[in-house]
C-alpha atoms as a PDB file:
ATOM      1  CA  MET A   1     -45.468  14.811  23.607  1.00  0.00           C
ATOM      2  CA  THR A   2     -47.673  14.641  20.842  1.00  0.00           C
ATOM      3  CA  ALA A   3     -51.379  13.103  20.490  1.00  0.00           C
ATOM      4  CA  ILE A   4     -50.551  10.571  18.173  1.00  0.00           C
ATOM      5  CA  TYR A   5     -47.904   9.606  19.786  1.00  0.00           C
ATOM      6  CA  GLN A   6     -49.755   9.444  23.160  1.00  0.00           C
ATOM      7  CA  GLN A   7     -52.793   7.625  21.250  1.00  0.00           C
ATOM      8  CA  ALA A   8     -50.463   4.930  20.357  1.00  0.00           C
ATOM      9  CA  VAL A   9     -49.005   4.917  23.568  1.00  0.00           C
ATOM     10  CA  LYS A  10     -52.339   3.804  25.536  1.00  0.00           C
ATOM     11  CA  ALA A  11     -53.509   1.633  22.424  1.00  0.00           C
ATOM     12  CA  ALA A  12     -49.934  -0.343  23.135  1.00  0.00           C
ATOM     13  CA  GLU A  13     -51.398  -0.676  26.921  1.00  0.00           C
ATOM     14  CA  PHE A  14     -54.507  -1.753  25.905  1.00  0.00           C
ATOM     15  CA  LEU A  15     -53.084  -4.439  23.413  1.00  0.00           C
ATOM     16  CA  LYS A  16     -50.608  -5.715  26.531  1.00  0.00           C
ATOM     17  CA  SER A  17     -53.808  -6.003  28.321  1.00  0.00           C
ATOM     18  CA  LYS A  18     -55.515  -8.337  25.493  1.00  0.00           C
ATOM     19  CA  THR A  19     -52.768 -10.763  25.114  1.00  0.00           C
ATOM     20  CA  GLU A  20     -49.165 -12.255  26.379  1.00  0.00           C
ATOM     21  CA  ILE A  21     -47.622 -12.143  23.099  1.00  0.00           C
ATOM     22  CA  VAL A  22     -44.846  -9.753  22.493  1.00  0.00           C
ATOM     23  CA  PRO A  23     -44.582  -9.363  18.817  1.00  0.00           C
ATOM     24  CA  ARG A  24     -41.074  -9.598  16.656  1.00  0.00           C
ATOM     25  CA  VAL A  25     -42.300  -9.600  13.277  1.00  0.00           C
ATOM     26  CA  VAL A  26     -45.783  -6.994  12.039  1.00  0.00           C
ATOM     27  CA  LEU A  27     -47.227  -8.439   9.375  1.00  0.00           C
ATOM     28  CA  VAL A  28     -49.579  -5.891   7.434  1.00  0.00           C
ATOM     29  CA  LEU A  29     -51.983  -7.946   5.304  1.00  0.00           C
ATOM     30  CA  GLY A  30     -53.701  -6.577   2.514  1.00  0.00           C
ATOM     31  CA  SER A  31     -56.487  -6.844  -0.081  1.00  0.00           C
ATOM     32  CA  GLY A  32     -57.069 -10.061  -0.372  1.00  0.00           C
ATOM     33  CA  LEU A  33     -54.443 -11.637   1.815  1.00  0.00           C
ATOM     34  CA  GLY A  34     -55.876 -11.462   5.191  1.00  0.00           C
ATOM     35  CA  ASP A  35     -56.755 -15.509   5.057  1.00  0.00           C
ATOM     36  CA  TYR A  36     -53.396 -15.926   5.995  1.00  0.00           C
ATOM     37  CA  ALA A  37     -53.756 -14.947   9.608  1.00  0.00           C
ATOM     38  CA  GLU A  38     -55.902 -17.703  10.247  1.00  0.00           C
ATOM     39  CA  ARG A  39     -53.036 -20.074  10.329  1.00  0.00           C
ATOM     40  CA  LEU A  40     -52.407 -18.803  14.054  1.00  0.00           C
ATOM     41  CA  GLU A  41     -53.800 -21.594  16.648  1.00  0.00           C
ATOM     42  CA  LYS A  42     -54.167 -19.917  20.472  1.00  0.00           C
ATOM     43  CA  ALA A  43     -54.460 -16.857  18.758  1.00  0.00           C
ATOM     44  CA  ASP A  44     -55.268 -13.529  20.804  1.00  0.00           C
ATOM     45  CA  VAL A  45     -57.700 -11.987  18.217  1.00  0.00           C
ATOM     46  CA  VAL A  46     -59.105  -8.032  19.358  1.00  0.00           C
ATOM     47  CA  PRO A  47     -61.366  -6.138  16.723  1.00  0.00           C
ATOM     48  CA  TYR A  48     -59.823  -2.691  15.659  1.00  0.00           C
ATOM     49  CA  GLU A  49     -63.074  -1.519  16.983  1.00  0.00           C
ATOM     50  CA  GLU A  50     -62.128  -2.332  20.668  1.00  0.00           C
ATOM     51  CA  ILE A  51     -58.967  -0.817  20.365  1.00  0.00           C
ATOM     52  CA  PRO A  52     -58.610   2.631  22.122  1.00  0.00           C
ATOM     53  CA  PHE A  53     -57.660   5.336  18.878  1.00  0.00           C
ATOM     54  CA  PHE A  54     -57.509   2.928  16.169  1.00  0.00           C
ATOM     55  CA  PRO A  55     -59.410   4.136  12.835  1.00  0.00           C
ATOM     56  CA  ARG A  56     -61.878   2.149  11.280  1.00  0.00           C
ATOM     57  CA  SER A  57     -61.864  -0.052   8.564  1.00  0.00           C
ATOM     58  CA  THR A  58     -63.928   0.571   5.947  1.00  0.00           C
ATOM     59  CA  VAL A  59     -62.614  -1.394   2.843  1.00  0.00           C
ATOM     60  CA  GLU A  60     -64.231  -4.720   1.652  1.00  0.00           C
ATOM     61  CA  GLY A  61     -62.550  -7.581   1.948  1.00  0.00           C
ATOM     62  CA  HIS A  62     -60.544  -6.262   5.010  1.00  0.00           C
ATOM     63  CA  LYS A  63     -61.614  -7.998   8.188  1.00  0.00           C
ATOM     64  CA  ALA A  64     -60.183  -5.288  10.483  1.00  0.00           C
ATOM     65  CA  ARG A  65     -58.578  -6.896  13.730  1.00  0.00           C
ATOM     66  CA  LEU A  66     -55.201  -7.868  14.900  1.00  0.00           C
ATOM     67  CA  ILE A  67     -54.391 -11.205  15.755  1.00  0.00           C
ATOM     68  CA  PHE A  68     -51.768 -12.168  17.966  1.00  0.00           C
ATOM     69  CA  GLY A  69     -49.409 -15.411  18.246  1.00  0.00           C
ATOM     70  CA  GLU A  70     -46.672 -17.598  17.035  1.00  0.00           C
ATOM     71  CA  LEU A  71     -45.320 -18.992  13.774  1.00  0.00           C
ATOM     72  CA  PHE A  72     -42.400 -20.828  13.833  1.00  0.00           C
ATOM     73  CA  GLY A  73     -41.541 -19.969  17.179  1.00  0.00           C
ATOM     74  CA  VAL A  74     -41.380 -15.961  15.995  1.00  0.00           C
ATOM     75  CA  PRO A  75     -44.163 -14.275  18.159  1.00  0.00           C
ATOM     76  CA  VAL A  76     -46.211 -11.954  15.625  1.00  0.00           C
ATOM     77  CA  ALA A  77     -48.696  -9.653  15.443  1.00  0.00           C
ATOM     78  CA  MET A  78     -50.804  -9.784  12.650  1.00  0.00           C
ATOM     79  CA  MET A  79     -52.951  -7.055  11.205  1.00  0.00           C
ATOM     80  CA  GLN A  80     -56.337  -8.165   9.178  1.00  0.00           C
ATOM     81  CA  GLY A  81     -56.400  -5.009   7.015  1.00  0.00           C
ATOM     82  CA  ARG A  82     -54.938  -1.397   7.051  1.00  0.00           C
ATOM     83  CA  PHE A  83     -56.379   1.945   6.736  1.00  0.00           C
ATOM     84  CA  HIS A  84     -55.844   3.888   3.967  1.00  0.00           C
ATOM     85  CA  TYR A  85     -55.397   8.131   3.055  1.00  0.00           C
ATOM     86  CA  TYR A  86     -58.565   8.108   0.969  1.00  0.00           C
ATOM     87  CA  GLU A  87     -60.408   6.765   3.748  1.00  0.00           C
ATOM     88  CA  GLY A  88     -60.688  10.156   5.407  1.00  0.00           C
ATOM     89  CA  TYR A  89     -58.305   9.754   7.947  1.00  0.00           C
ATOM     90  CA  THR A  90     -55.259  11.809   8.065  1.00  0.00           C
ATOM     91  CA  GLN A  91     -51.799   9.714   7.548  1.00  0.00           C
ATOM     92  CA  GLN A  92     -50.661   9.880  11.455  1.00  0.00           C
ATOM     93  CA  GLN A  93     -54.259   8.558  11.562  1.00  0.00           C
ATOM     94  CA  ILE A  94     -53.757   5.754   9.628  1.00  0.00           C
ATOM     95  CA  THR A  95     -49.647   4.569  11.021  1.00  0.00           C
ATOM     96  CA  LEU A  96     -51.236   5.139  14.681  1.00  0.00           C
ATOM     97  CA  PRO A  97     -51.178   1.056  14.556  1.00  0.00           C
ATOM     98  CA  ILE A  98     -47.421   0.380  13.682  1.00  0.00           C
ATOM     99  CA  ARG A  99     -46.539   3.174  16.573  1.00  0.00           C
ATOM    100  CA  ALA A 100     -48.949   1.325  19.187  1.00  0.00           C
ATOM    101  CA  LEU A 101     -47.328  -2.314  17.422  1.00  0.00           C
ATOM    102  CA  ARG A 102     -43.657  -0.591  18.142  1.00  0.00           C
ATOM    103  CA  ALA A 103     -44.392   0.598  21.341  1.00  0.00           C
ATOM    104  CA  MET A 104     -45.168  -3.576  22.396  1.00  0.00           C
ATOM    105  CA  GLY A 105     -41.508  -4.641  21.179  1.00  0.00           C
ATOM    106  CA  ALA A 106     -41.966  -5.530  17.718  1.00  0.00           C
ATOM    107  CA  GLU A 107     -38.625  -4.937  15.555  1.00  0.00           C
ATOM    108  CA  ILE A 108     -39.578  -6.209  11.969  1.00  0.00           C
ATOM    109  CA  LEU A 109     -42.478  -4.975   9.595  1.00  0.00           C
ATOM    110  CA  PHE A 110     -43.539  -6.784   6.608  1.00  0.00           C
ATOM    111  CA  LEU A 111     -46.133  -5.297   4.710  1.00  0.00           C
ATOM    112  CA  THR A 112     -47.894  -6.831   1.849  1.00  0.00           C
ATOM    113  CA  ASN A 113     -50.239  -5.109  -0.982  1.00  0.00           C
ATOM    114  CA  ALA A 114     -52.141  -5.512  -3.877  1.00  0.00           C
ATOM    115  CA  SER A 115     -50.852  -3.446  -6.830  1.00  0.00           C
ATOM    116  CA  GLY A 116     -51.410  -2.347  -9.981  1.00  0.00           C
ATOM    117  CA  GLY A 117     -48.414  -3.844 -12.436  1.00  0.00           C
ATOM    118  CA  ILE A 118     -46.318  -1.198 -14.610  1.00  0.00           C
ATOM    119  CA  CYS A 119     -43.599  -3.202 -15.939  1.00  0.00           C
ATOM    120  CA  HIS A 120     -44.244  -4.679 -18.763  1.00  0.00           C
ATOM    121  CA  THR A 121     -43.029  -8.052 -17.859  1.00  0.00           C
ATOM    122  CA  PHE A 122     -45.527  -8.440 -14.887  1.00  0.00           C
ATOM    123  CA  THR A 123     -48.398 -10.705 -14.690  1.00  0.00           C
ATOM    124  CA  PRO A 124     -51.241 -10.517 -12.781  1.00  0.00           C
ATOM    125  CA  GLY A 125     -50.508 -12.824  -9.902  1.00  0.00           C
ATOM    126  CA  ASP A 126     -46.794 -12.047  -9.585  1.00  0.00           C
ATOM    127  CA  LEU A 127     -45.436 -11.128  -6.332  1.00  0.00           C
ATOM    128  CA  MET A 128     -43.317  -8.164  -6.546  1.00  0.00           C
ATOM    129  CA  MET A 129     -40.422  -7.898  -3.961  1.00  0.00           C
ATOM    130  CA  ILE A 130     -40.662  -3.941  -2.873  1.00  0.00           C
ATOM    131  CA  ASP A 131     -36.984  -2.606  -3.112  1.00  0.00           C
ATOM    132  CA  ASP A 132     -38.054   1.259  -3.120  1.00  0.00           C
ATOM    133  CA  HIS A 133     -41.119   3.462  -3.001  1.00  0.00           C
ATOM    134  CA  ILE A 134     -41.612   6.743  -4.494  1.00  0.00           C
ATOM    135  CA  ASN A 135     -44.749   8.869  -2.431  1.00  0.00           C
ATOM    136  CA  PHE A 136     -46.838  10.360  -4.619  1.00  0.00           C
ATOM    137  CA  SER A 137     -49.350  11.397  -1.801  1.00  0.00           C
ATOM    138  CA  GLY A 138     -48.278  15.052  -1.561  1.00  0.00           C
ATOM    139  CA  THR A 139     -47.697  14.422   2.611  1.00  0.00           C
ATOM    140  CA  SER A 140     -46.043  12.385   4.928  1.00  0.00           C
ATOM    141  CA  PRO A 141     -46.970  10.847   8.241  1.00  0.00           C
ATOM    142  CA  LEU A 142     -44.121  12.747  10.203  1.00  0.00           C
ATOM    143  CA  ILE A 143     -45.412  16.478   9.543  1.00  0.00           C
ATOM    144  CA  GLY A 144     -45.871  17.677  12.627  1.00  0.00           C
ATOM    145  CA  GLU A 145     -43.657  18.330  15.959  1.00  0.00           C
ATOM    146  CA  ASN A 146     -41.361  15.890  16.446  1.00  0.00           C
ATOM    147  CA  VAL A 147     -41.023  13.860  19.232  1.00  0.00           C
ATOM    148  CA  ALA A 148     -37.578  12.716  20.458  1.00  0.00           C
ATOM    149  CA  GLU A 149     -39.411   9.074  21.723  1.00  0.00           C
ATOM    150  CA  GLN A 150     -41.277   8.737  18.177  1.00  0.00           C
ATOM    151  CA  GLY A 151     -37.760   9.056  16.415  1.00  0.00           C
ATOM    152  CA  MET A 152     -35.634  11.163  14.839  1.00  0.00           C
ATOM    153  CA  ARG A 153     -36.286  14.706  12.908  1.00  0.00           C
ATOM    154  CA  PHE A 154     -35.209  13.814   9.890  1.00  0.00           C
ATOM    155  CA  PRO A 155     -35.318   9.632   9.227  1.00  0.00           C
ATOM    156  CA  ASP A 156     -32.572   8.793   6.764  1.00  0.00           C
ATOM    157  CA  MET A 157     -34.564   7.209   4.034  1.00  0.00           C
ATOM    158  CA  SER A 158     -31.872   5.722   1.677  1.00  0.00           C
ATOM    159  CA  GLN A 159     -32.109   2.041   2.927  1.00  0.00           C
ATOM    160  CA  ALA A 160     -36.061   2.334   3.742  1.00  0.00           C
ATOM    161  CA  TYR A 161     -36.267  -1.831   2.793  1.00  0.00           C
ATOM    162  CA  ASP A 162     -33.948  -3.399   5.055  1.00  0.00           C
ATOM    163  CA  ARG A 163     -31.182  -5.389   3.016  1.00  0.00           C
ATOM    164  CA  GLU A 164     -31.281  -8.160   5.153  1.00  0.00           C
ATOM    165  CA  LEU A 165     -34.776  -8.395   5.653  1.00  0.00           C
ATOM    166  CA  LYS A 166     -34.434  -8.254   1.815  1.00  0.00           C
ATOM    167  CA  GLN A 167     -31.389 -11.031   1.425  1.00  0.00           C
ATOM    168  CA  CYS A 168     -34.364 -13.346   3.967  1.00  0.00           C
ATOM    169  CA  LEU A 169     -37.353 -12.709   0.789  1.00  0.00           C
ATOM    170  CA  LEU A 170     -34.834 -13.737  -1.699  1.00  0.00           C
ATOM    171  CA  THR A 171     -33.722 -16.857  -0.120  1.00  0.00           C
ATOM    172  CA  ALA A 172     -37.606 -17.680   1.047  1.00  0.00           C
ATOM    173  CA  SER A 173     -38.328 -17.406  -2.358  1.00  0.00           C
ATOM    174  CA  LYS A 174     -35.645 -20.023  -3.383  1.00  0.00           C
ATOM    175  CA  MET A 175     -37.087 -21.849  -0.267  1.00  0.00           C
ATOM    176  CA  CYS A 176     -40.137 -22.557  -1.226  1.00  0.00           C
ATOM    177  CA  GLY A 177     -40.026 -22.342  -5.176  1.00  0.00           C
ATOM    178  CA  VAL A 178     -42.306 -19.364  -5.299  1.00  0.00           C
ATOM    179  CA  PRO A 179     -41.367 -16.746  -7.881  1.00  0.00           C
ATOM    180  CA  LEU A 180     -40.205 -13.265  -6.520  1.00  0.00           C
ATOM    181  CA  LYS A 181     -39.690 -10.277  -9.064  1.00  0.00           C
ATOM    182  CA  ARG A 182     -38.677  -6.956  -7.724  1.00  0.00           C
ATOM    183  CA  GLY A 183     -39.483  -3.641  -8.278  1.00  0.00           C
ATOM    184  CA  VAL A 184     -40.068   0.154  -6.919  1.00  0.00           C
ATOM    185  CA  TYR A 185     -43.867   0.460  -5.855  1.00  0.00           C
ATOM    186  CA  MET A 186     -45.335   4.216  -6.321  1.00  0.00           C
ATOM    187  CA  MET A 187     -48.144   5.232  -4.166  1.00  0.00           C
ATOM    188  CA  PHE A 188     -50.825   7.143  -5.420  1.00  0.00           C
ATOM    189  CA  ASN A 189     -53.738   8.349  -3.146  1.00  0.00           C
ATOM    190  CA  GLY A 190     -57.143   6.874  -4.823  1.00  0.00           C
ATOM    191  CA  PRO A 191     -59.720   5.613  -3.975  1.00  0.00           C
ATOM    192  CA  GLN A 192     -60.036   6.281  -8.085  1.00  0.00           C
ATOM    193  CA  PHE A 193     -57.593   4.227 -10.237  1.00  0.00           C
ATOM    194  CA  GLU A 194     -54.935   5.493 -11.783  1.00  0.00           C
ATOM    195  CA  THR A 195     -55.620   7.472 -15.483  1.00  0.00           C
ATOM    196  CA  PRO A 196     -53.432   5.793 -18.350  1.00  0.00           C
ATOM    197  CA  ALA A 197     -51.313   9.322 -18.452  1.00  0.00           C
ATOM    198  CA  GLU A 198     -50.917   8.499 -14.952  1.00  0.00           C
ATOM    199  CA  ILE A 199     -49.114   5.331 -15.114  1.00  0.00           C
ATOM    200  CA  ARG A 200     -46.503   6.734 -18.317  1.00  0.00           C
ATOM    201  CA  PHE A 201     -45.160   9.181 -15.912  1.00  0.00           C
ATOM    202  CA  ALA A 202     -44.975   6.631 -13.295  1.00  0.00           C
ATOM    203  CA  ARG A 203     -42.940   4.396 -15.573  1.00  0.00           C
ATOM    204  CA  CYS A 204     -41.099   7.307 -16.688  1.00  0.00           C
ATOM    205  CA  ILE A 205     -39.419   7.834 -13.151  1.00  0.00           C
ATOM    206  CA  GLY A 206     -38.806   4.383 -12.581  1.00  0.00           C
ATOM    207  CA  ALA A 207     -41.920   2.890 -10.750  1.00  0.00           C
ATOM    208  CA  ASP A 208     -42.621  -1.219 -11.552  1.00  0.00           C
ATOM    209  CA  ALA A 209     -46.019  -0.841  -9.235  1.00  0.00           C
ATOM    210  CA  ALA A 210     -49.106   1.216  -8.448  1.00  0.00           C
ATOM    211  CA  GLY A 211     -51.272   0.969  -5.206  1.00  0.00           C
ATOM    212  CA  MET A 212     -52.899   3.596  -2.880  1.00  0.00           C
ATOM    213  CA  SER A 213     -51.428   2.059   0.262  1.00  0.00           C
ATOM    214  CA  THR A 214     -47.617   1.095   2.147  1.00  0.00           C
ATOM    215  CA  VAL A 215     -45.268   4.139   1.752  1.00  0.00           C
ATOM    216  CA  PRO A 216     -46.746   5.861   5.137  1.00  0.00           C
ATOM    217  CA  GLU A 217     -46.397   2.701   7.498  1.00  0.00           C
ATOM    218  CA  VAL A 218     -42.845   2.423   5.583  1.00  0.00           C
ATOM    219  CA  ILE A 219     -41.968   5.890   6.668  1.00  0.00           C
ATOM    220  CA  VAL A 220     -43.465   5.164  10.176  1.00  0.00           C
ATOM    221  CA  GLY A 221     -41.805   2.078  10.838  1.00  0.00           C
ATOM    222  CA  ARG A 222     -38.792   3.720   9.711  1.00  0.00           C
ATOM    223  CA  HIS A 223     -38.904   6.655  12.017  1.00  0.00           C
ATOM    224  CA  CYS A 224     -39.662   4.531  15.158  1.00  0.00           C
ATOM    225  CA  GLY A 225     -36.177   1.828  14.247  1.00  0.00           C
ATOM    226  CA  MET A 226     -37.887  -1.015  12.711  1.00  0.00           C
ATOM    227  CA  ARG A 227     -36.538  -2.486   9.828  1.00  0.00           C
ATOM    228  CA  VAL A 228     -38.907  -2.841   7.007  1.00  0.00           C
ATOM    229  CA  CYS A 229     -39.601  -5.051   4.106  1.00  0.00           C
ATOM    230  CA  GLY A 230     -42.741  -5.406   1.878  1.00  0.00           C
ATOM    231  CA  VAL A 231     -44.275  -7.193  -1.082  1.00  0.00           C
ATOM    232  CA  SER A 232     -46.878  -6.377  -3.431  1.00  0.00           C
ATOM    233  CA  CYS A 233     -49.157  -8.541  -4.882  1.00  0.00           C
ATOM    234  CA  ILE A 234     -49.662  -7.694  -8.820  1.00  0.00           C
ATOM    235  CA  THR A 235     -53.343  -7.797  -9.161  1.00  0.00           C
ATOM    236  CA  ASN A 236     -54.216  -6.424 -12.401  1.00  0.00           C
ATOM    237  CA  MET A 237     -51.909  -4.621 -14.990  1.00  0.00           C
ATOM    238  CA  ALA A 238     -52.272  -0.630 -14.077  1.00  0.00           C
ATOM    239  CA  ALA A 239     -54.456   1.818 -16.604  1.00  0.00           C
ATOM    240  CA  GLY A 240     -53.693   1.578 -20.300  1.00  0.00           C
ATOM    241  CA  MET A 241     -51.613  -1.653 -19.444  1.00  0.00           C
ATOM    242  CA  LEU A 242     -54.500  -3.583 -21.223  1.00  0.00           C
ATOM    243  CA  ASP A 243     -57.568  -2.511 -22.872  1.00  0.00           C
ATOM    244  CA  GLN A 244     -60.131  -3.396 -20.263  1.00  0.00           C
ATOM    245  CA  PRO A 245     -61.863  -1.064 -17.087  1.00  0.00           C
ATOM    246  CA  LEU A 246     -60.120  -1.756 -14.162  1.00  0.00           C
ATOM    247  CA  THR A 247     -61.969  -3.403 -11.122  1.00  0.00           C
ATOM    248  CA  HIS A 248     -61.914  -3.945  -6.886  1.00  0.00           C
ATOM    249  CA  THR A 249     -63.382  -7.124  -8.058  1.00  0.00           C
ATOM    250  CA  GLU A 250     -60.068  -8.280 -10.131  1.00  0.00           C
ATOM    251  CA  VAL A 251     -57.792  -7.359  -7.195  1.00  0.00           C
ATOM    252  CA  MET A 252     -59.653  -9.672  -4.833  1.00  0.00           C
ATOM    253  CA  GLU A 253     -59.844 -12.335  -7.293  1.00  0.00           C
ATOM    254  CA  THR A 254     -56.737 -12.630  -8.049  1.00  0.00           C
ATOM    255  CA  GLY A 255     -55.854 -12.082  -4.374  1.00  0.00           C
ATOM    256  CA  GLU A 256     -57.444 -15.112  -3.878  1.00  0.00           C
ATOM    257  CA  LYS A 257     -55.822 -17.065  -6.621  1.00  0.00           C
ATOM    258  CA  VAL A 258     -52.383 -16.433  -5.194  1.00  0.00           C
ATOM    259  CA  LYS A 259     -53.028 -16.794  -1.612  1.00  0.00           C
ATOM    260  CA  GLY A 260     -51.517 -20.346  -1.187  1.00  0.00           C
ATOM    261  CA  ALA A 261     -48.137 -18.897  -3.141  1.00  0.00           C
ATOM    262  CA  PHE A 262     -48.229 -15.560  -0.474  1.00  0.00           C
ATOM    263  CA  ALA A 263     -48.404 -17.688   2.374  1.00  0.00           C
ATOM    264  CA  ALA A 264     -45.604 -19.887   1.165  1.00  0.00           C
ATOM    265  CA  LEU A 265     -43.592 -17.233   0.601  1.00  0.00           C
ATOM    266  CA  VAL A 266     -44.433 -15.427   4.406  1.00  0.00           C
ATOM    267  CA  ASP A 267     -43.755 -18.871   5.884  1.00  0.00           C
ATOM    268  CA  ALA A 268     -40.412 -19.293   4.387  1.00  0.00           C
ATOM    269  CA  PHE A 269     -39.571 -16.064   4.845  1.00  0.00           C
ATOM    270  CA  LEU A 270     -40.726 -16.438   8.969  1.00  0.00           C
ATOM    271  CA  GLN A 271     -38.620 -19.836   9.091  1.00  0.00           C
ATOM    272  CA  GLN A 272     -35.571 -17.242   8.038  1.00  0.00           C
ATOM    273  CA  ILE A 273     -36.258 -15.055  10.751  1.00  0.00           C
ATOM    274  CA  SER A 274     -36.277 -17.742  13.437  1.00  0.00           C
ATOM    275  CA  ARG A 275     -33.225 -19.031  12.729  1.00  0.00           C
ATOM    276  CA  ALA A 276     -31.994 -14.862  12.547  1.00  0.00           C
END
């Protein structure tokens, strides 16, 4: 049994001692979207720093804690902040929380992120359902020894984003009146923003949005048998799209502006899940 899997199991055991919630859905709340977790009442809050083997989040705007509770009758675990490859961790380390929550019983992984728009029809503030992704990180969280308890050695990624969950998101979009674009997300390592040439390359190979996260979590989620869906908040136009520099402040400001629409979309999605 690999060290990462052992660590995930021990983290899960610790979390079970902190909450009676058995999460069905895991929500990973990206930059600017963490306030959604405040909707949970009578929640069990566990700071990352208390959880065995969890990395430490170093990104501004990430509150670095797990929150367990129920919304619309759906037991959920919300990650207020995620870990990134550019923080110096391995992809195995940054995805350990997904394995731990799966070990607790989670079935659905709903990922959100802030990303730069590559598609010419996008504007800052748009929400994009992720139809597929391009892993441009140069590595995979599955590299190394495979353990049967973790999943198959060669997991299928032809439907990395679950068809039924995508339909739930589209239905939720209509229910709440929040427009939802669709596209392909491309992961760059960061932490520097991409160059205009890199964005032109990304557009040529089919990317609609660029970011620095999410893909390792999707891979691990699928590897360990979770159903996955995701939404990108287009917080800025990618490098070269507009004649202006890119800043993390812009990312946070746009995330703040759209958090109401995002919350409405997630509410409607969870209502869809509660009926399934």
